[in-house]
């Protein structure tokens, strides 16, 4: 009887230890990702180079329109090379009226999914 209690207590402590290590690794990963993202964002703010538009041609070939200073350039990007194609006059560039968000807001998407799930539950 005492051996069974000791064994289950040992199993519980092992489970708690593994859970703690998992949460710790998850937190360290989150913190490192956030730090790297802030570091990269800080390096790119205020630069004179901006990617305006990217068009994928094949799996590893793209055409990009980039702004460097006040000039717009079309470049071809391949696996190992970047080739300047031409300079594009600024009046031929059609920028969107509203700024394009680079990443969707996950919180908004999650809330929308939760609302849709609740609506489906009420219909049943």
C-alpha atoms as a PDB file:
ATOM      1  CA  UNK A   1       0.000   0.000   0.000  1.00  0.00           C
ATOM      2  CA  UNK A   2       2.770   2.396   0.964  1.00  0.00           C
ATOM      3  CA  UNK A   3       4.659   1.477  -2.187  1.00  0.00           C
ATOM      4  CA  UNK A   4       1.627   2.347  -4.378  1.00  0.00           C
ATOM      5  CA  UNK A   5       1.240   5.775  -2.736  1.00  0.00           C
ATOM      6  CA  UNK A   6       4.946   6.460  -3.145  1.00  0.00           C
ATOM      7  CA  UNK A   7       4.850   5.407  -6.795  1.00  0.00           C
ATOM      8  CA  UNK A   8       1.854   7.610  -7.601  1.00  0.00           C
ATOM      9  CA  UNK A   9       3.439  10.549  -5.755  1.00  0.00           C
ATOM     10  CA  UNK A  10       6.643  10.019  -7.722  1.00  0.00           C
ATOM     11  CA  UNK A  11       4.664   9.960 -10.988  1.00  0.00           C
ATOM     12  CA  UNK A  12       2.850  13.149 -10.021  1.00  0.00           C
ATOM     13  CA  UNK A  13       6.126  14.928  -9.212  1.00  0.00           C
ATOM     14  CA  UNK A  14       7.617  13.791 -12.522  1.00  0.00           C
ATOM     15  CA  UNK A  15       4.551  15.113 -14.345  1.00  0.00           C
ATOM     16  CA  UNK A  16       4.811  18.470 -12.537  1.00  0.00           C
ATOM     17  CA  UNK A  17       8.509  18.699 -13.378  1.00  0.00           C
ATOM     18  CA  UNK A  18       7.936  17.983 -17.057  1.00  0.00           C
ATOM     19  CA  UNK A  19       5.048  20.468 -17.145  1.00  0.00           C
ATOM     20  CA  UNK A  20       7.186  23.142 -15.498  1.00  0.00           C
ATOM     21  CA  UNK A  21      10.046  22.564 -17.948  1.00  0.00           C
ATOM     22  CA  UNK A  22       7.625  22.716 -20.882  1.00  0.00           C
ATOM     23  CA  UNK A  23       6.095  26.005 -19.702  1.00  0.00           C
ATOM     24  CA  UNK A  24       9.562  27.434 -19.039  1.00  0.00           C
ATOM     25  CA  UNK A  25      10.808  26.511 -22.542  1.00  0.00           C
ATOM     26  CA  UNK A  26       7.622  27.922 -24.054  1.00  0.00           C
ATOM     27  CA  UNK A  27       8.118  31.203 -22.166  1.00  0.00           C
ATOM     28  CA  UNK A  28      11.787  31.475 -23.166  1.00  0.00           C
ATOM     29  CA  UNK A  29      10.857  30.843 -26.806  1.00  0.00           C
ATOM     30  CA  UNK A  30       8.129  33.503 -26.677  1.00  0.00           C
ATOM     31  CA  UNK A  31      10.464  36.030 -25.042  1.00  0.00           C
ATOM     32  CA  UNK A  32      13.286  35.384 -27.532  1.00  0.00           C
ATOM     33  CA  UNK A  33      10.934  35.679 -30.517  1.00  0.00           C
ATOM     34  CA  UNK A  34       9.508  38.924 -29.198  1.00  0.00           C
ATOM     35  CA  UNK A  35      12.984  40.338 -28.534  1.00  0.00           C
ATOM     36  CA  UNK A  36      14.221  39.419 -32.033  1.00  0.00           C
ATOM     37  CA  UNK A  37      11.097  40.921 -33.626  1.00  0.00           C
ATOM     38  CA  UNK A  38      11.563  44.203 -31.740  1.00  0.00           C
ATOM     39  CA  UNK A  39      15.255  44.229 -32.619  1.00  0.00           C
ATOM     40  CA  UNK A  40      14.558  43.701 -36.332  1.00  0.00           C
ATOM     41  CA  UNK A  41      11.775  46.288 -36.353  1.00  0.00           C
ATOM     42  CA  UNK A  42      14.056  48.822 -34.712  1.00  0.00           C
ATOM     43  CA  UNK A  43      16.680  48.249 -37.389  1.00  0.00           C
ATOM     44  CA  UNK A  44      14.236  48.726 -40.282  1.00  0.00           C
ATOM     45  CA  UNK A  45      12.492  51.891 -39.044  1.00  0.00           C
ATOM     46  CA  UNK A  46      13.745  55.059 -40.661  1.00  0.00           C
ATOM     47  CA  UNK A  47      15.568  53.353 -43.506  1.00  0.00           C
ATOM     48  CA  UNK A  48      15.522  54.528 -47.086  1.00  0.00           C
ATOM     49  CA  UNK A  49      14.639  51.128 -48.516  1.00  0.00           C
ATOM     50  CA  UNK A  50      11.062  49.838 -48.608  1.00  0.00           C
ATOM     51  CA  UNK A  51       9.459  46.924 -50.444  1.00  0.00           C
ATOM     52  CA  UNK A  52       6.377  48.277 -52.208  1.00  0.00           C
ATOM     53  CA  UNK A  53       5.063  45.126 -53.875  1.00  0.00           C
ATOM     54  CA  UNK A  54       6.128  41.518 -54.426  1.00  0.00           C
ATOM     55  CA  UNK A  55       4.897  39.188 -57.157  1.00  0.00           C
ATOM     56  CA  UNK A  56       5.761  35.488 -57.049  1.00  0.00           C
ATOM     57  CA  UNK A  57       6.696  33.972 -60.410  1.00  0.00           C
ATOM     58  CA  UNK A  58       7.711  30.461 -59.331  1.00  0.00           C
ATOM     59  CA  UNK A  59       8.605  28.726 -56.087  1.00  0.00           C
ATOM     60  CA  UNK A  60      11.846  30.674 -55.649  1.00  0.00           C
ATOM     61  CA  UNK A  61      11.607  33.560 -58.149  1.00  0.00           C
ATOM     62  CA  UNK A  62      10.011  36.922 -57.427  1.00  0.00           C
ATOM     63  CA  UNK A  63       9.698  40.365 -58.948  1.00  0.00           C
ATOM     64  CA  UNK A  64       9.702  43.196 -56.433  1.00  0.00           C
ATOM     65  CA  UNK A  65       9.148  46.904 -56.707  1.00  0.00           C
ATOM     66  CA  UNK A  66      11.249  48.632 -54.091  1.00  0.00           C
ATOM     67  CA  UNK A  67      11.661  52.271 -53.122  1.00  0.00           C
ATOM     68  CA  UNK A  68      15.226  53.383 -52.511  1.00  0.00           C
ATOM     69  CA  UNK A  69      15.323  56.990 -51.447  1.00  0.00           C
ATOM     70  CA  UNK A  70      12.964  58.632 -53.933  1.00  0.00           C
ATOM     71  CA  UNK A  71      13.495  56.156 -56.777  1.00  0.00           C
ATOM     72  CA  UNK A  72      11.411  53.084 -57.515  1.00  0.00           C
ATOM     73  CA  UNK A  73      13.212  50.032 -58.863  1.00  0.00           C
ATOM     74  CA  UNK A  74      11.983  46.727 -60.266  1.00  0.00           C
ATOM     75  CA  UNK A  75      14.222  43.836 -59.248  1.00  0.00           C
ATOM     76  CA  UNK A  76      14.191  40.097 -59.944  1.00  0.00           C
ATOM     77  CA  UNK A  77      14.949  37.932 -56.932  1.00  0.00           C
ATOM     78  CA  UNK A  78      16.027  34.332 -57.439  1.00  0.00           C
ATOM     79  CA  UNK A  79      17.454  31.744 -55.098  1.00  0.00           C
ATOM     80  CA  UNK A  80      21.038  33.039 -55.265  1.00  0.00           C
ATOM     81  CA  UNK A  81      20.814  36.353 -57.146  1.00  0.00           C
ATOM     82  CA  UNK A  82      19.126  39.730 -57.158  1.00  0.00           C
ATOM     83  CA  UNK A  83      19.034  41.509 -60.524  1.00  0.00           C
ATOM     84  CA  UNK A  84      17.888  45.063 -61.158  1.00  0.00           C
ATOM     85  CA  UNK A  85      15.449  45.075 -64.056  1.00  0.00           C
ATOM     86  CA  UNK A  86      14.600  48.751 -64.493  1.00  0.00           C
ATOM     87  CA  UNK A  87      13.828  52.009 -62.771  1.00  0.00           C
ATOM     88  CA  UNK A  88      10.087  52.667 -62.622  1.00  0.00           C
ATOM     89  CA  UNK A  89       8.903  56.287 -62.844  1.00  0.00           C
ATOM     90  CA  UNK A  90       7.073  57.376 -59.680  1.00  0.00           C
ATOM     91  CA  UNK A  91       3.987  58.407 -61.644  1.00  0.00           C
ATOM     92  CA  UNK A  92       3.556  54.812 -62.874  1.00  0.00           C
ATOM     93  CA  UNK A  93       3.428  53.406 -59.352  1.00  0.00           C
ATOM     94  CA  UNK A  94      -0.106  52.797 -58.056  1.00  0.00           C
ATOM     95  CA  UNK A  95       0.018  52.800 -54.260  1.00  0.00           C
ATOM     96  CA  UNK A  96      -3.044  51.594 -52.330  1.00  0.00           C
ATOM     97  CA  UNK A  97      -5.291  54.288 -50.845  1.00  0.00           C
ATOM     98  CA  UNK A  98      -5.096  52.734 -47.409  1.00  0.00           C
ATOM     99  CA  UNK A  99      -2.022  51.171 -45.800  1.00  0.00           C
ATOM    100  CA  UNK A 100      -1.829  47.412 -46.219  1.00  0.00           C
ATOM    101  CA  UNK A 101      -1.415  45.555 -42.931  1.00  0.00           C
ATOM    102  CA  UNK A 102       1.511  43.176 -43.101  1.00  0.00           C
ATOM    103  CA  UNK A 103       0.095  40.723 -40.561  1.00  0.00           C
ATOM    104  CA  UNK A 104      -3.540  40.210 -39.618  1.00  0.00           C
ATOM    105  CA  UNK A 105      -4.465  40.780 -35.988  1.00  0.00           C
ATOM    106  CA  UNK A 106      -4.742  37.305 -34.453  1.00  0.00           C
ATOM    107  CA  UNK A 107      -6.891  38.539 -31.584  1.00  0.00           C
ATOM    108  CA  UNK A 108      -9.558  39.848 -33.994  1.00  0.00           C
ATOM    109  CA  UNK A 109      -9.536  36.611 -35.976  1.00  0.00           C
ATOM    110  CA  UNK A 110      -9.800  34.550 -32.782  1.00  0.00           C
ATOM    111  CA  UNK A 111     -12.717  36.627 -31.458  1.00  0.00           C
ATOM    112  CA  UNK A 112     -14.524  36.275 -34.795  1.00  0.00           C
ATOM    113  CA  UNK A 113     -14.019  32.491 -34.722  1.00  0.00           C
ATOM    114  CA  UNK A 114     -15.341  32.321 -31.149  1.00  0.00           C
ATOM    115  CA  UNK A 115     -18.453  34.310 -32.129  1.00  0.00           C
ATOM    116  CA  UNK A 116     -19.049  32.025 -35.112  1.00  0.00           C
ATOM    117  CA  UNK A 117     -18.671  28.960 -32.875  1.00  0.00           C
ATOM    118  CA  UNK A 118     -21.169  30.355 -30.330  1.00  0.00           C
ATOM    119  CA  UNK A 119     -23.635  31.116 -33.135  1.00  0.00           C
ATOM    120  CA  UNK A 120     -23.400  27.529 -34.386  1.00  0.00           C
ATOM    121  CA  UNK A 121     -24.004  26.171 -30.865  1.00  0.00           C
ATOM    122  CA  UNK A 122     -27.151  28.313 -30.491  1.00  0.00           C
ATOM    123  CA  UNK A 123     -28.497  27.084 -33.842  1.00  0.00           C
ATOM    124  CA  UNK A 124     -28.244  23.440 -32.767  1.00  0.00           C
END
